[in-house]
Amino acid sequence: MRKGESGQAVLEYVLMIALAVSIVALLGIGIRRSVIMVWDRMSRDIAAPCPRCPPPSGVRFP
């Protein structure tokens, strides 16, 4: 192995780790956002006094 190839392997390893961490972070944010939207809608539906009535103004999920 030549001298430059060793440095390239380390750089590729670091970049792959950074890419994996970025993908996991983006997936976590997306999943968290979708769960919050589902819970927000469910809490508004449950808090409404009747099926088609709007919920009270103080009902917020976050």
C-alpha atoms as a PDB file:
ATOM      1  CA  MET A   1       0.000   0.000   0.000  1.00  0.00           C
ATOM      2  CA  ARG A   2       1.316   3.382  -0.920  1.00  0.00           C
ATOM      3  CA  LYS A   3       1.483   6.274   1.494  1.00  0.00           C
ATOM      4  CA  GLY A   4      -1.433   8.243  -0.074  1.00  0.00           C
ATOM      5  CA  GLU A   5      -3.762   5.233  -0.112  1.00  0.00           C
ATOM      6  CA  SER A   6      -3.711   4.924   3.659  1.00  0.00           C
ATOM      7  CA  GLY A   7      -4.870   8.507   4.097  1.00  0.00           C
ATOM      8  CA  GLN A   8      -7.552   8.033   1.471  1.00  0.00           C
ATOM      9  CA  ALA A   9      -8.952   4.995   3.298  1.00  0.00           C
ATOM     10  CA  VAL A  10      -9.186   6.938   6.551  1.00  0.00           C
ATOM     11  CA  LEU A  11     -10.858   9.857   4.795  1.00  0.00           C
ATOM     12  CA  GLU A  12     -13.382   7.549   3.113  1.00  0.00           C
ATOM     13  CA  TYR A  13     -14.126   5.888   6.462  1.00  0.00           C
ATOM     14  CA  VAL A  14     -14.737   9.243   8.162  1.00  0.00           C
ATOM     15  CA  LEU A  15     -16.968  10.426   5.311  1.00  0.00           C
ATOM     16  CA  MET A  16     -19.022   7.217   5.414  1.00  0.00           C
ATOM     17  CA  ILE A  17     -19.513   7.568   9.176  1.00  0.00           C
ATOM     18  CA  ALA A  18     -20.599  11.197   8.693  1.00  0.00           C
ATOM     19  CA  LEU A  19     -23.022  10.148   5.956  1.00  0.00           C
ATOM     20  CA  ALA A  20     -24.516   7.400   8.137  1.00  0.00           C
ATOM     21  CA  VAL A  21     -24.962   9.770  11.083  1.00  0.00           C
ATOM     22  CA  SER A  22     -26.619  12.361   8.824  1.00  0.00           C
ATOM     23  CA  ILE A  23     -29.064   9.819   7.390  1.00  0.00           C
ATOM     24  CA  VAL A  24     -30.022   8.561  10.854  1.00  0.00           C
ATOM     25  CA  ALA A  25     -30.528  12.133  12.087  1.00  0.00           C
ATOM     26  CA  LEU A  26     -32.748  13.033   9.137  1.00  0.00           C
ATOM     27  CA  LEU A  27     -34.817   9.885   9.578  1.00  0.00           C
ATOM     28  CA  GLY A  28     -35.213  10.625  13.279  1.00  0.00           C
ATOM     29  CA  ILE A  29     -36.411  14.153  12.584  1.00  0.00           C
ATOM     30  CA  GLY A  30     -38.869  12.939   9.942  1.00  0.00           C
ATOM     31  CA  ILE A  31     -40.303  10.213  12.141  1.00  0.00           C
ATOM     32  CA  ARG A  32     -40.574  12.537  15.128  1.00  0.00           C
ATOM     33  CA  ARG A  33     -42.385  15.142  13.027  1.00  0.00           C
ATOM     34  CA  SER A  34     -44.879  12.614  11.676  1.00  0.00           C
ATOM     35  CA  VAL A  35     -45.603  11.240  15.166  1.00  0.00           C
ATOM     36  CA  ILE A  36     -46.222  14.752  16.468  1.00  0.00           C
ATOM     37  CA  MET A  37     -48.639  15.432  13.599  1.00  0.00           C
ATOM     38  CA  VAL A  38     -50.587  12.229  14.332  1.00  0.00           C
ATOM     39  CA  TRP A  39     -50.822  12.957  18.069  1.00  0.00           C
ATOM     40  CA  ASP A  40     -51.802  16.561  17.390  1.00  0.00           C
ATOM     41  CA  ARG A  41     -54.673  15.492  15.153  1.00  0.00           C
ATOM     42  CA  MET A  42     -55.816  12.812  17.601  1.00  0.00           C
ATOM     43  CA  SER A  43     -55.769  15.217  20.554  1.00  0.00           C
ATOM     44  CA  ARG A  44     -57.811  17.776  18.606  1.00  0.00           C
ATOM     45  CA  ASP A  45     -60.342  15.120  17.549  1.00  0.00           C
ATOM     46  CA  ILE A  46     -60.718  13.808  21.088  1.00  0.00           C
ATOM     47  CA  ALA A  47     -61.001  17.259  22.695  1.00  0.00           C
ATOM     48  CA  ALA A  48     -63.784  18.432  20.369  1.00  0.00           C
ATOM     49  CA  PRO A  49     -67.216  18.441  22.032  1.00  0.00           C
ATOM     50  CA  CYS A  50     -68.873  16.749  19.034  1.00  0.00           C
ATOM     51  CA  PRO A  51     -67.548  14.860  15.959  1.00  0.00           C
ATOM     52  CA  ARG A  52     -67.647  17.821  13.567  1.00  0.00           C
ATOM     53  CA  CYS A  53     -67.187  20.669  16.036  1.00  0.00           C
ATOM     54  CA  PRO A  54     -63.882  22.527  16.251  1.00  0.00           C
ATOM     55  CA  PRO A  55     -61.742  21.807  19.316  1.00  0.00           C
ATOM     56  CA  PRO A  56     -61.418  24.383  22.087  1.00  0.00           C
ATOM     57  CA  SER A  57     -58.856  27.084  21.355  1.00  0.00           C
ATOM     58  CA  GLY A  58     -56.518  25.992  24.158  1.00  0.00           C
ATOM     59  CA  VAL A  59     -55.907  22.490  22.759  1.00  0.00           C
ATOM     60  CA  ARG A  60     -52.410  22.187  21.369  1.00  0.00           C
ATOM     61  CA  PHE A  61     -50.136  19.200  21.302  1.00  0.00           C
ATOM     62  CA  PRO A  62     -46.496  20.254  21.254  1.00  0.00           C
END
